[in-house]
């Protein structure tokens, strides 16, 4: 038989940490649930994003990878290309 616990606030009796755990090792948030933190978040496994991933700190981005552009690609600085270049259109 399943049961529900409904509370307005959960506060730790000692310390500063509150933990939620299950026998299966997973916790599922149902409904319109926002999860927020003012600290760091560490994810030990894979992260799946079903919606839009947004971030604010884009001042210093260093990335290596594949570029996917929907409407075009504009380079306003020096571009170094190593390997084959195929242009169609």
PDB file of N, CA and C in Angstrom:
ATOM      1  N   UNK A   1       0.842  -1.178   0.000  1.00  0.00           N
ATOM      2  CA  UNK A   1       0.000   0.000   0.000  1.00  0.00           C
ATOM      3  C   UNK A   1       0.887   1.240   0.000  1.00  0.00           C
ATOM      4  N   UNK A   2       0.659   2.117  -0.924  1.00  0.00           N
ATOM      5  CA  UNK A   2       1.422   3.355  -0.995  1.00  0.00           C
ATOM      6  C   UNK A   2       0.799   4.405  -0.094  1.00  0.00           C
ATOM      7  N   UNK A   3       1.638   5.308   0.370  1.00  0.00           N
ATOM      8  CA  UNK A   3       1.126   6.406   1.182  1.00  0.00           C
ATOM      9  C   UNK A   3       1.838   7.688   0.785  1.00  0.00           C
ATOM     10  N   UNK A   4       1.251   8.794   1.120  1.00  0.00           N
ATOM     11  CA  UNK A   4       1.807  10.095   0.790  1.00  0.00           C
ATOM     12  C   UNK A   4       2.084  10.867   2.065  1.00  0.00           C
ATOM     13  N   UNK A   5       3.185  11.597   2.051  1.00  0.00           N
ATOM     14  CA  UNK A   5       3.527  12.497   3.146  1.00  0.00           C
ATOM     15  C   UNK A   5       3.520  13.906   2.570  1.00  0.00           C
ATOM     16  N   UNK A   6       2.702  14.765   3.117  1.00  0.00           N
ATOM     17  CA  UNK A   6       2.597  16.137   2.610  1.00  0.00           C
ATOM     18  C   UNK A   6       3.031  17.089   3.709  1.00  0.00           C
ATOM     19  N   UNK A   7       4.039  17.911   3.398  1.00  0.00           N
ATOM     20  CA  UNK A   7       4.553  18.872   4.362  1.00  0.00           C
ATOM     21  C   UNK A   7       4.808  20.190   3.651  1.00  0.00           C
ATOM     22  N   UNK A   8       4.853  21.267   4.413  1.00  0.00           N
ATOM     23  CA  UNK A   8       5.180  22.573   3.850  1.00  0.00           C
ATOM     24  C   UNK A   8       6.682  22.827   3.854  1.00  0.00           C
ATOM     25  N   UNK A   9       7.370  22.382   4.884  1.00  0.00           N
ATOM     26  CA  UNK A   9       8.800  22.630   5.015  1.00  0.00           C
ATOM     27  C   UNK A   9       9.471  21.437   5.677  1.00  0.00           C
ATOM     28  N   UNK A  10      10.650  21.075   5.173  1.00  0.00           N
ATOM     29  CA  UNK A  10      11.459  20.044   5.811  1.00  0.00           C
ATOM     30  C   UNK A  10      12.755  20.714   6.261  1.00  0.00           C
ATOM     31  N   UNK A  11      13.026  20.639   7.543  1.00  0.00           N
ATOM     32  CA  UNK A  11      14.239  21.218   8.107  1.00  0.00           C
ATOM     33  C   UNK A  11      15.017  20.124   8.824  1.00  0.00           C
ATOM     34  N   UNK A  12      16.343  20.117   8.711  1.00  0.00           N
ATOM     35  CA  UNK A  12      17.118  19.105   9.423  1.00  0.00           C
ATOM     36  C   UNK A  12      17.121  19.376  10.926  1.00  0.00           C
ATOM     37  N   UNK A  13      17.088  18.298  11.716  1.00  0.00           N
ATOM     38  CA  UNK A  13      17.122  18.480  13.172  1.00  0.00           C
ATOM     39  C   UNK A  13      18.511  18.904  13.635  1.00  0.00           C
ATOM     40  N   UNK A  14      19.550  18.448  12.931  1.00  0.00           N
ATOM     41  CA  UNK A  14      20.924  18.879  13.209  1.00  0.00           C
ATOM     42  C   UNK A  14      21.641  19.065  11.879  1.00  0.00           C
ATOM     43  N   UNK A  15      22.656  19.877  11.867  1.00  0.00           N
ATOM     44  CA  UNK A  15      23.411  20.096  10.638  1.00  0.00           C
ATOM     45  C   UNK A  15      22.656  20.940   9.632  1.00  0.00           C
ATOM     46  N   UNK A  16      23.069  20.816   8.374  1.00  0.00           N
ATOM     47  CA  UNK A  16      22.457  21.633   7.324  1.00  0.00           C
ATOM     48  C   UNK A  16      21.984  20.814   6.131  1.00  0.00           C
ATOM     49  N   UNK A  17      22.064  19.487   6.184  1.00  0.00           N
ATOM     50  CA  UNK A  17      21.721  18.654   5.040  1.00  0.00           C
ATOM     51  C   UNK A  17      20.395  17.943   5.249  1.00  0.00           C
ATOM     52  N   UNK A  18      19.610  17.869   4.182  1.00  0.00           N
ATOM     53  CA  UNK A  18      18.381  17.094   4.160  1.00  0.00           C
ATOM     54  C   UNK A  18      18.530  16.092   3.022  1.00  0.00           C
ATOM     55  N   UNK A  19      18.272  14.830   3.286  1.00  0.00           N
ATOM     56  CA  UNK A  19      18.431  13.792   2.272  1.00  0.00           C
ATOM     57  C   UNK A  19      17.107  13.084   2.046  1.00  0.00           C
ATOM     58  N   UNK A  20      16.875  12.699   0.799  1.00  0.00           N
ATOM     59  CA  UNK A  20      15.709  11.907   0.436  1.00  0.00           C
ATOM     60  C   UNK A  20      16.242  10.673  -0.271  1.00  0.00           C
ATOM     61  N   UNK A  21      15.848   9.523   0.177  1.00  0.00           N
ATOM     62  CA  UNK A  21      16.318   8.294  -0.443  1.00  0.00           C
ATOM     63  C   UNK A  21      15.203   7.278  -0.528  1.00  0.00           C
ATOM     64  N   UNK A  22      15.382   6.290  -1.399  1.00  0.00           N
ATOM     65  CA  UNK A  22      14.410   5.217  -1.541  1.00  0.00           C
ATOM     66  C   UNK A  22      15.152   3.892  -1.579  1.00  0.00           C
ATOM     67  N   UNK A  23      14.432   2.818  -1.427  1.00  0.00           N
ATOM     68  CA  UNK A  23      15.032   1.494  -1.491  1.00  0.00           C
ATOM     69  C   UNK A  23      15.592   1.205  -2.878  1.00  0.00           C
ATOM     70  N   UNK A  24      14.972   1.764  -3.914  1.00  0.00           N
ATOM     71  CA  UNK A  24      15.450   1.528  -5.280  1.00  0.00           C
ATOM     72  C   UNK A  24      16.554   2.496  -5.677  1.00  0.00           C
ATOM     73  N   UNK A  25      16.821   3.500  -4.874  1.00  0.00           N
ATOM     74  CA  UNK A  25      17.910   4.420  -5.171  1.00  0.00           C
ATOM     75  C   UNK A  25      17.541   5.571  -6.077  1.00  0.00           C
ATOM     76  N   UNK A  26      16.263   5.800  -6.332  1.00  0.00           N
ATOM     77  CA  UNK A  26      15.886   6.917  -7.196  1.00  0.00           C
ATOM     78  C   UNK A  26      14.750   7.699  -6.554  1.00  0.00           C
ATOM     79  N   UNK A  27      14.686   8.981  -6.911  1.00  0.00           N
ATOM     80  CA  UNK A  27      13.624   9.860  -6.437  1.00  0.00           C
ATOM     81  C   UNK A  27      13.005  10.503  -7.668  1.00  0.00           C
ATOM     82  N   UNK A  28      11.699  10.469  -7.786  1.00  0.00           N
ATOM     83  CA  UNK A  28      10.984  11.056  -8.910  1.00  0.00           C
ATOM     84  C   UNK A  28      10.135  12.202  -8.395  1.00  0.00           C
ATOM     85  N   UNK A  29      10.259  13.362  -9.027  1.00  0.00           N
ATOM     86  CA  UNK A  29       9.446  14.517  -8.688  1.00  0.00           C
ATOM     87  C   UNK A  29       8.289  14.580  -9.678  1.00  0.00           C
ATOM     88  N   UNK A  30       7.082  14.637  -9.158  1.00  0.00           N
ATOM     89  CA  UNK A  30       5.895  14.623 -10.002  1.00  0.00           C
ATOM     90  C   UNK A  30       5.272  16.010 -10.091  1.00  0.00           C
ATOM     91  N   UNK A  31       4.566  16.246 -11.182  1.00  0.00           N
ATOM     92  CA  UNK A  31       3.842  17.506 -11.325  1.00  0.00           C
ATOM     93  C   UNK A  31       4.751  18.640 -11.773  1.00  0.00           C
ATOM     94  N   UNK A  32       4.285  19.848 -11.590  1.00  0.00           N
ATOM     95  CA  UNK A  32       5.050  21.043 -11.935  1.00  0.00           C
ATOM     96  C   UNK A  32       6.009  21.342 -10.790  1.00  0.00           C
ATOM     97  N   UNK A  33       7.166  20.723 -10.817  1.00  0.00           N
ATOM     98  CA  UNK A  33       8.122  20.828  -9.723  1.00  0.00           C
ATOM     99  C   UNK A  33       9.348  21.585 -10.189  1.00  0.00           C
ATOM    100  N   UNK A  34       9.676  22.649  -9.508  1.00  0.00           N
ATOM    101  CA  UNK A  34      10.913  23.369  -9.763  1.00  0.00           C
ATOM    102  C   UNK A  34      11.912  22.969  -8.684  1.00  0.00           C
ATOM    103  N   UNK A  35      13.134  22.731  -9.096  1.00  0.00           N
ATOM    104  CA  UNK A  35      14.207  22.419  -8.156  1.00  0.00           C
ATOM    105  C   UNK A  35      15.240  23.521  -8.308  1.00  0.00           C
ATOM    106  N   UNK A  36      15.557  24.175  -7.224  1.00  0.00           N
ATOM    107  CA  UNK A  36      16.533  25.258  -7.309  1.00  0.00           C
ATOM    108  C   UNK A  36      17.524  25.142  -6.168  1.00  0.00           C
ATOM    109  N   UNK A  37      18.702  25.707  -6.384  1.00  0.00           N
ATOM    110  CA  UNK A  37      19.734  25.714  -5.364  1.00  0.00           C
ATOM    111  C   UNK A  37      20.563  26.979  -5.507  1.00  0.00           C
ATOM    112  N   UNK A  38      21.118  27.414  -4.404  1.00  0.00           N
ATOM    113  CA  UNK A  38      22.050  28.536  -4.438  1.00  0.00           C
ATOM    114  C   UNK A  38      23.489  28.046  -4.410  1.00  0.00           C
ATOM    115  N   UNK A  39      23.672  26.737  -4.383  1.00  0.00           N
ATOM    116  CA  UNK A  39      25.000  26.152  -4.321  1.00  0.00           C
ATOM    117  C   UNK A  39      25.317  25.353  -5.564  1.00  0.00           C
ATOM    118  N   UNK A  40      26.319  24.505  -5.458  1.00  0.00           N
ATOM    119  CA  UNK A  40      26.743  23.663  -6.564  1.00  0.00           C
ATOM    120  C   UNK A  40      25.865  22.432  -6.666  1.00  0.00           C
ATOM    121  N   UNK A  41      25.774  21.881  -7.857  1.00  0.00           N
ATOM    122  CA  UNK A  41      25.070  20.636  -8.093  1.00  0.00           C
ATOM    123  C   UNK A  41      26.065  19.672  -8.725  1.00  0.00           C
ATOM    124  N   UNK A  42      26.191  18.485  -8.149  1.00  0.00           N
ATOM    125  CA  UNK A  42      27.071  17.460  -8.682  1.00  0.00           C
ATOM    126  C   UNK A  42      26.232  16.284  -9.127  1.00  0.00           C
ATOM    127  N   UNK A  43      26.436  15.849 -10.358  1.00  0.00           N
ATOM    128  CA  UNK A  43      25.694  14.730 -10.912  1.00  0.00           C
ATOM    129  C   UNK A  43      26.700  13.624 -11.190  1.00  0.00           C
ATOM    130  N   UNK A  44      26.541  12.517 -10.496  1.00  0.00           N
ATOM    131  CA  UNK A  44      27.495  11.429 -10.613  1.00  0.00           C
ATOM    132  C   UNK A  44      27.266  10.537 -11.812  1.00  0.00           C
ATOM    133  N   UNK A  45      26.126  10.620 -12.436  1.00  0.00           N
ATOM    134  CA  UNK A  45      25.814   9.777 -13.592  1.00  0.00           C
ATOM    135  C   UNK A  45      25.493  10.629 -14.800  1.00  0.00           C
ATOM    136  N   UNK A  46      24.653  10.107 -15.665  1.00  0.00           N
ATOM    137  CA  UNK A  46      24.257  10.819 -16.877  1.00  0.00           C
ATOM    138  C   UNK A  46      23.200  11.869 -16.554  1.00  0.00           C
ATOM    139  N   UNK A  47      23.151  12.913 -17.369  1.00  0.00           N
ATOM    140  CA  UNK A  47      22.150  13.962 -17.235  1.00  0.00           C
ATOM    141  C   UNK A  47      21.342  14.003 -18.520  1.00  0.00           C
ATOM    142  N   UNK A  48      20.042  13.841 -18.385  1.00  0.00           N
ATOM    143  CA  UNK A  48      19.154  13.957 -19.533  1.00  0.00           C
ATOM    144  C   UNK A  48      18.313  15.215 -19.384  1.00  0.00           C
ATOM    145  N   UNK A  49      18.200  15.986 -20.453  1.00  0.00           N
ATOM    146  CA  UNK A  49      17.413  17.213 -20.436  1.00  0.00           C
ATOM    147  C   UNK A  49      16.298  17.052 -21.447  1.00  0.00           C
ATOM    148  N   UNK A  50      15.055  17.040 -20.947  1.00  0.00           N
ATOM    149  CA  UNK A  50      13.912  16.863 -21.824  1.00  0.00           C
ATOM    150  C   UNK A  50      13.374  18.160 -22.385  1.00  0.00           C
ATOM    151  N   UNK A  51      13.807  19.275 -21.838  1.00  0.00           N
ATOM    152  CA  UNK A  51      13.329  20.579 -22.296  1.00  0.00           C
ATOM    153  C   UNK A  51      14.476  21.419 -22.814  1.00  0.00           C
ATOM    154  N   UNK A  52      14.513  22.657 -22.448  1.00  0.00           N
ATOM    155  CA  UNK A  52      15.533  23.599 -22.899  1.00  0.00           C
ATOM    156  C   UNK A  52      16.588  23.738 -21.811  1.00  0.00           C
ATOM    157  N   UNK A  53      17.839  23.651 -22.191  1.00  0.00           N
ATOM    158  CA  UNK A  53      18.944  23.851 -21.277  1.00  0.00           C
ATOM    159  C   UNK A  53      19.427  25.289 -21.427  1.00  0.00           C
ATOM    160  N   UNK A  54      19.357  26.056 -20.359  1.00  0.00           N
ATOM    161  CA  UNK A  54      19.806  27.439 -20.407  1.00  0.00           C
ATOM    162  C   UNK A  54      20.931  27.639 -19.408  1.00  0.00           C
ATOM    163  N   UNK A  55      21.782  28.591 -19.695  1.00  0.00           N
ATOM    164  CA  UNK A  55      22.884  28.922 -18.806  1.00  0.00           C
ATOM    165  C   UNK A  55      23.215  30.393 -18.985  1.00  0.00           C
ATOM    166  N   UNK A  56      23.839  30.967 -17.973  1.00  0.00           N
ATOM    167  CA  UNK A  56      24.087  32.401 -17.993  1.00  0.00           C
ATOM    168  C   UNK A  56      25.538  32.770 -18.257  1.00  0.00           C
ATOM    169  N   UNK A  57      26.496  31.997 -17.788  1.00  0.00           N
ATOM    170  CA  UNK A  57      27.902  32.359 -17.886  1.00  0.00           C
ATOM    171  C   UNK A  57      28.452  31.944 -19.242  1.00  0.00           C
ATOM    172  N   UNK A  58      28.405  32.840 -20.208  1.00  0.00           N
ATOM    173  CA  UNK A  58      28.910  32.547 -21.538  1.00  0.00           C
ATOM    174  C   UNK A  58      30.051  33.479 -21.919  1.00  0.00           C
ATOM    175  N   UNK A  59      30.687  34.105 -20.937  1.00  0.00           N
ATOM    176  CA  UNK A  59      31.758  35.051 -21.230  1.00  0.00           C
ATOM    177  C   UNK A  59      33.016  34.354 -21.718  1.00  0.00           C
ATOM    178  N   UNK A  60      33.360  33.225 -21.155  1.00  0.00           N
ATOM    179  CA  UNK A  60      34.606  32.535 -21.509  1.00  0.00           C
ATOM    180  C   UNK A  60      34.300  31.088 -21.863  1.00  0.00           C
ATOM    181  N   UNK A  61      34.061  30.860 -23.152  1.00  0.00           N
ATOM    182  CA  UNK A  61      33.736  29.508 -23.599  1.00  0.00           C
ATOM    183  C   UNK A  61      34.894  28.984 -24.430  1.00  0.00           C
ATOM    184  N   UNK A  62      35.421  27.864 -24.024  1.00  0.00           N
ATOM    185  CA  UNK A  62      36.420  27.139 -24.792  1.00  0.00           C
ATOM    186  C   UNK A  62      35.821  25.780 -25.088  1.00  0.00           C
ATOM    187  N   UNK A  63      35.604  25.487 -26.357  1.00  0.00           N
ATOM    188  CA  UNK A  63      35.010  24.201 -26.673  1.00  0.00           C
ATOM    189  C   UNK A  63      35.633  23.649 -27.948  1.00  0.00           C
ATOM    190  N   UNK A  64      35.672  22.358 -28.012  1.00  0.00           N
ATOM    191  CA  UNK A  64      36.142  21.651 -29.187  1.00  0.00           C
ATOM    192  C   UNK A  64      35.051  20.682 -29.561  1.00  0.00           C
ATOM    193  N   UNK A  65      34.615  20.706 -30.800  1.00  0.00           N
ATOM    194  CA  UNK A  65      33.562  19.773 -31.177  1.00  0.00           C
ATOM    195  C   UNK A  65      33.020  20.074 -32.548  1.00  0.00           C
ATOM    196  N   UNK A  66      31.829  19.614 -32.785  1.00  0.00           N
ATOM    197  CA  UNK A  66      31.155  19.761 -34.059  1.00  0.00           C
ATOM    198  C   UNK A  66      30.239  20.966 -33.990  1.00  0.00           C
ATOM    199  N   UNK A  67      30.221  21.754 -35.049  1.00  0.00           N
ATOM    200  CA  UNK A  67      29.340  22.920 -35.121  1.00  0.00           C
ATOM    201  C   UNK A  67      28.125  22.535 -35.959  1.00  0.00           C
ATOM    202  N   UNK A  68      26.955  22.775 -35.430  1.00  0.00           N
ATOM    203  CA  UNK A  68      25.717  22.582 -36.165  1.00  0.00           C
ATOM    204  C   UNK A  68      25.039  23.937 -36.271  1.00  0.00           C
ATOM    205  N   UNK A  69      24.836  24.395 -37.491  1.00  0.00           N
ATOM    206  CA  UNK A  69      24.246  25.718 -37.686  1.00  0.00           C
ATOM    207  C   UNK A  69      23.008  25.576 -38.565  1.00  0.00           C
ATOM    208  N   UNK A  70      21.892  26.141 -38.124  1.00  0.00           N
ATOM    209  CA  UNK A  70      20.640  26.044 -38.869  1.00  0.00           C
ATOM    210  C   UNK A  70      20.612  27.001 -40.061  1.00  0.00           C
ATOM    211  N   UNK A  71      21.017  28.259 -39.860  1.00  0.00           N
ATOM    212  CA  UNK A  71      20.862  29.259 -40.907  1.00  0.00           C
ATOM    213  C   UNK A  71      22.176  29.771 -41.492  1.00  0.00           C
ATOM    214  N   UNK A  72      23.295  29.375 -40.982  1.00  0.00           N
ATOM    215  CA  UNK A  72      24.551  29.837 -41.529  1.00  0.00           C
ATOM    216  C   UNK A  72      25.611  29.927 -40.453  1.00  0.00           C
ATOM    217  N   UNK A  73      26.816  30.206 -40.881  1.00  0.00           N
ATOM    218  CA  UNK A  73      27.934  30.316 -39.962  1.00  0.00           C
ATOM    219  C   UNK A  73      28.747  31.531 -40.365  1.00  0.00           C
ATOM    220  N   UNK A  74      28.930  32.448 -39.440  1.00  0.00           N
ATOM    221  CA  UNK A  74      29.687  33.661 -39.714  1.00  0.00           C
ATOM    222  C   UNK A  74      30.917  33.668 -38.818  1.00  0.00           C
ATOM    223  N   UNK A  75      32.086  33.825 -39.428  1.00  0.00           N
ATOM    224  CA  UNK A  75      33.340  33.907 -38.682  1.00  0.00           C
ATOM    225  C   UNK A  75      33.862  35.319 -38.854  1.00  0.00           C
ATOM    226  N   UNK A  76      34.037  36.027 -37.756  1.00  0.00           N
ATOM    227  CA  UNK A  76      34.481  37.421 -37.829  1.00  0.00           C
ATOM    228  C   UNK A  76      35.928  37.587 -37.374  1.00  0.00           C
ATOM    229  N   UNK A  77      36.622  36.505 -37.220  1.00  0.00           N
ATOM    230  CA  UNK A  77      38.026  36.553 -36.822  1.00  0.00           C
ATOM    231  C   UNK A  77      38.822  35.632 -37.713  1.00  0.00           C
ATOM    232  N   UNK A  78      39.886  35.119 -37.199  1.00  0.00           N
ATOM    233  CA  UNK A  78      40.728  34.194 -37.945  1.00  0.00           C
ATOM    234  C   UNK A  78      40.133  32.798 -37.828  1.00  0.00           C
ATOM    235  N   UNK A  79      39.973  32.124 -38.964  1.00  0.00           N
ATOM    236  CA  UNK A  79      39.457  30.758 -38.975  1.00  0.00           C
ATOM    237  C   UNK A  79      40.529  29.857 -39.564  1.00  0.00           C
ATOM    238  N   UNK A  80      40.914  28.847 -38.838  1.00  0.00           N
ATOM    239  CA  UNK A  80      41.872  27.875 -39.302  1.00  0.00           C
ATOM    240  C   UNK A  80      41.132  26.559 -39.514  1.00  0.00           C
ATOM    241  N   UNK A  81      41.211  26.045 -40.735  1.00  0.00           N
ATOM    242  CA  UNK A  81      40.505  24.809 -41.062  1.00  0.00           C
ATOM    243  C   UNK A  81      41.537  23.772 -41.461  1.00  0.00           C
ATOM    244  N   UNK A  82      41.481  22.635 -40.787  1.00  0.00           N
ATOM    245  CA  UNK A  82      42.383  21.538 -41.090  1.00  0.00           C
ATOM    246  C   UNK A  82      41.552  20.389 -41.641  1.00  0.00           C
ATOM    247  N   UNK A  83      41.905  19.893 -42.788  1.00  0.00           N
ATOM    248  CA  UNK A  83      41.154  18.800 -43.382  1.00  0.00           C
ATOM    249  C   UNK A  83      40.366  19.276 -44.595  1.00  0.00           C
ATOM    250  N   UNK A  84      39.447  18.436 -45.052  1.00  0.00           N
ATOM    251  CA  UNK A  84      38.660  18.736 -46.241  1.00  0.00           C
ATOM    252  C   UNK A  84      37.552  19.737 -45.942  1.00  0.00           C
ATOM    253  N   UNK A  85      37.258  20.575 -46.918  1.00  0.00           N
ATOM    254  CA  UNK A  85      36.143  21.507 -46.828  1.00  0.00           C
ATOM    255  C   UNK A  85      35.241  21.285 -48.028  1.00  0.00           C
ATOM    256  N   UNK A  86      33.975  21.000 -47.793  1.00  0.00           N
ATOM    257  CA  UNK A  86      33.014  20.816 -48.863  1.00  0.00           C
ATOM    258  C   UNK A  86      31.966  21.905 -48.766  1.00  0.00           C
ATOM    259  N   UNK A  87      31.760  22.621 -49.837  1.00  0.00           N
ATOM    260  CA  UNK A  87      30.786  23.709 -49.856  1.00  0.00           C
ATOM    261  C   UNK A  87      29.788  23.407 -50.959  1.00  0.00           C
ATOM    262  N   UNK A  88      28.515  23.441 -50.634  1.00  0.00           N
ATOM    263  CA  UNK A  88      27.477  23.198 -51.632  1.00  0.00           C
ATOM    264  C   UNK A  88      26.453  24.317 -51.598  1.00  0.00           C
ATOM    265  N   UNK A  89      25.715  24.413 -52.663  1.00  0.00           N
ATOM    266  CA  UNK A  89      24.663  25.417 -52.657  1.00  0.00           C
ATOM    267  C   UNK A  89      24.652  26.261 -53.866  1.00  0.00           C
TER     268      UNK A  89
END
